Amino acid sequence: MPGKILIVEDDADYRELIGRVLEKAGYSVTSAPNGEEGLRRYAADAPDLVILDGQLPDIDGFEVCRRIRSQGPRPDTPILFCTVRSAVSPVAEGLRSGGTDYILKPFEIADLLQRVRSALASAK
């Protein structure tokens, strides 16, 4: 059963693309362009999954992840990091900070959807 997904991504094109893909797949989507707004929306919406860019203009995604894990309201929420392919070290940092999985940009739509489904299934 599709769930609620929060996208925290500063690149408007990626934010829109991911949102459209997930809505077409039946998910309810909200988004935020930076870490502060992402944390506010996370607290207000209690999403089933967070898709989180590692590099954000205010608070980086790794700190956002650590705050979700330490402050809740649902610290076990799956977090899927989304980072550029050339920046492999953020993948390890994302997993160390509490991320569930990651996807590299640019990504294949089918890969994004499979990772979302897997992350949501692992949370049940």
Protein backbone atom coordinates (compact mmCIF):
# COMPACT_ATOMS: atom_id res chain seq x y z
CA MET A 1 0.00 0.00 0.00
CA PRO A 2 1.50 3.37 -0.98
CA GLY A 3 2.38 5.75 1.79
CA LYS A 4 3.40 9.32 2.54
CA ILE A 5 6.80 10.42 1.28
CA LEU A 6 8.73 13.58 2.10
CA ILE A 7 11.31 14.74 -0.46
CA VAL A 8 14.01 17.07 0.89
CA GLU A 9 15.91 18.26 -2.17
CA ASP A 10 17.28 21.71 -3.02
CA ASP A 11 17.36 21.11 -6.79
CA ALA A 12 13.87 22.09 -7.97
CA ASP A 13 14.10 19.92 -11.10
CA TYR A 14 14.96 16.77 -9.14
CA ARG A 15 12.38 17.61 -6.46
CA GLU A 16 9.69 17.95 -9.13
CA LEU A 17 10.77 14.84 -11.05
CA ILE A 18 10.86 12.63 -7.96
CA GLY A 19 7.52 14.02 -6.79
CA ARG A 20 5.82 13.38 -10.14
CA VAL A 21 7.18 9.83 -10.38
CA LEU A 22 6.07 8.96 -6.86
CA GLU A 23 2.63 10.55 -7.21
CA LYS A 24 2.10 8.64 -10.47
CA ALA A 25 2.97 5.47 -8.54
CA GLY A 26 0.24 6.31 -6.01
CA TYR A 27 2.26 7.83 -3.18
CA SER A 28 1.27 10.97 -1.29
CA VAL A 29 4.17 13.42 -1.61
CA THR A 30 5.27 16.57 0.18
CA SER A 31 8.57 18.30 -0.37
CA ALA A 32 11.00 20.81 1.09
CA PRO A 33 13.86 22.75 -0.54
CA ASN A 34 16.19 22.70 2.49
CA GLY A 35 16.96 20.95 5.76
CA GLU A 36 15.13 23.31 8.13
CA GLU A 37 11.90 23.10 6.13
CA GLY A 38 12.41 19.36 5.74
CA LEU A 39 12.61 18.90 9.52
CA ARG A 40 9.47 21.02 10.00
CA ARG A 41 7.54 19.02 7.43
CA TYR A 42 8.83 15.76 8.85
CA ALA A 43 7.56 16.70 12.31
CA ALA A 44 4.21 17.93 10.98
CA ASP A 45 3.50 15.17 8.44
CA ALA A 46 5.15 12.08 10.01
CA PRO A 47 5.90 10.58 6.57
CA ASP A 48 6.43 6.86 5.98
CA LEU A 49 9.66 7.56 4.06
CA VAL A 50 12.07 10.48 3.60
CA ILE A 51 14.06 10.98 0.40
CA LEU A 52 16.94 13.20 1.42
CA ASP A 53 19.64 14.99 -0.55
CA GLY A 54 22.98 14.89 1.23
CA GLN A 55 24.00 18.39 0.14
CA LEU A 56 21.47 21.02 1.19
CA PRO A 57 21.99 24.80 1.41
CA ASP A 58 21.45 25.16 5.16
CA ILE A 59 21.66 21.98 7.24
CA ASP A 60 23.22 19.14 5.27
CA GLY A 61 21.19 16.00 4.77
CA PHE A 62 23.41 13.96 7.08
CA GLU A 63 22.60 16.25 10.00
CA VAL A 64 18.90 16.17 9.05
CA CYS A 65 19.09 12.38 9.18
CA ARG A 66 20.83 12.40 12.57
CA ARG A 67 18.16 14.75 13.95
CA ILE A 68 15.34 12.54 12.66
CA ARG A 69 17.00 9.53 14.27
CA SER A 70 17.55 11.28 17.60
CA GLN A 71 14.48 13.52 17.88
CA GLY A 72 11.67 11.63 16.12
CA PRO A 73 8.68 11.79 16.14
CA ARG A 74 9.27 8.47 14.33
CA PRO A 75 13.03 7.87 14.53
CA ASP A 76 12.74 4.57 12.67
CA THR A 77 11.35 6.25 9.51
CA PRO A 78 13.23 4.88 6.47
CA ILE A 79 15.53 7.48 4.89
CA LEU A 80 16.68 7.13 1.30
CA PHE A 81 19.66 9.35 0.50
CA CYS A 82 19.79 10.77 -3.01
CA THR A 83 23.21 12.05 -4.05
CA VAL A 84 25.20 12.72 -7.22
CA ARG A 85 27.04 9.82 -8.79
CA SER A 86 30.43 11.57 -8.63
CA ALA A 87 30.18 11.96 -4.87
CA VAL A 88 30.55 8.40 -3.63
CA SER A 89 31.84 9.36 -0.15
CA PRO A 90 28.45 10.90 0.77
CA VAL A 91 26.92 7.43 0.34
CA ALA A 92 29.02 6.11 3.23
CA GLU A 93 28.34 9.25 5.28
CA GLY A 94 24.61 8.88 4.66
CA LEU A 95 24.59 5.31 5.87
CA ARG A 96 26.74 6.20 8.91
CA SER A 97 24.33 9.00 9.83
CA GLY A 98 21.40 6.56 9.90
CA GLY A 99 20.23 6.35 6.29
CA THR A 100 18.39 3.22 5.23
CA ASP A 101 19.55 3.16 1.60
CA TYR A 102 20.69 5.48 -1.17
CA ILE A 103 20.19 6.20 -4.83
CA LEU A 104 22.67 7.95 -7.10
CA LYS A 105 21.74 10.83 -9.40
CA PRO A 106 21.06 10.59 -12.24
CA PHE A 107 18.91 7.55 -11.54
CA GLU A 108 16.65 5.23 -13.44
CA ILE A 109 12.97 5.64 -12.53
CA ALA A 110 12.57 1.89 -12.03
CA ASP A 111 15.52 1.88 -9.60
CA LEU A 112 14.04 4.78 -7.61
CA LEU A 113 10.67 3.06 -7.34
CA GLN A 114 12.23 -0.27 -6.32
CA ARG A 115 14.33 1.34 -3.59
CA VAL A 116 11.28 3.23 -2.31
CA ARG A 117 9.22 0.02 -2.22
CA SER A 118 12.04 -1.86 -0.48
CA ALA A 119 12.56 0.85 2.14
CA LEU A 120 8.84 1.02 2.89
CA ALA A 121 8.58 -2.78 3.10
CA SER A 122 11.52 -2.97 5.51
CA ALA A 123 9.77 -0.54 7.86
CA LYS A 124 6.77 -2.79 8.39
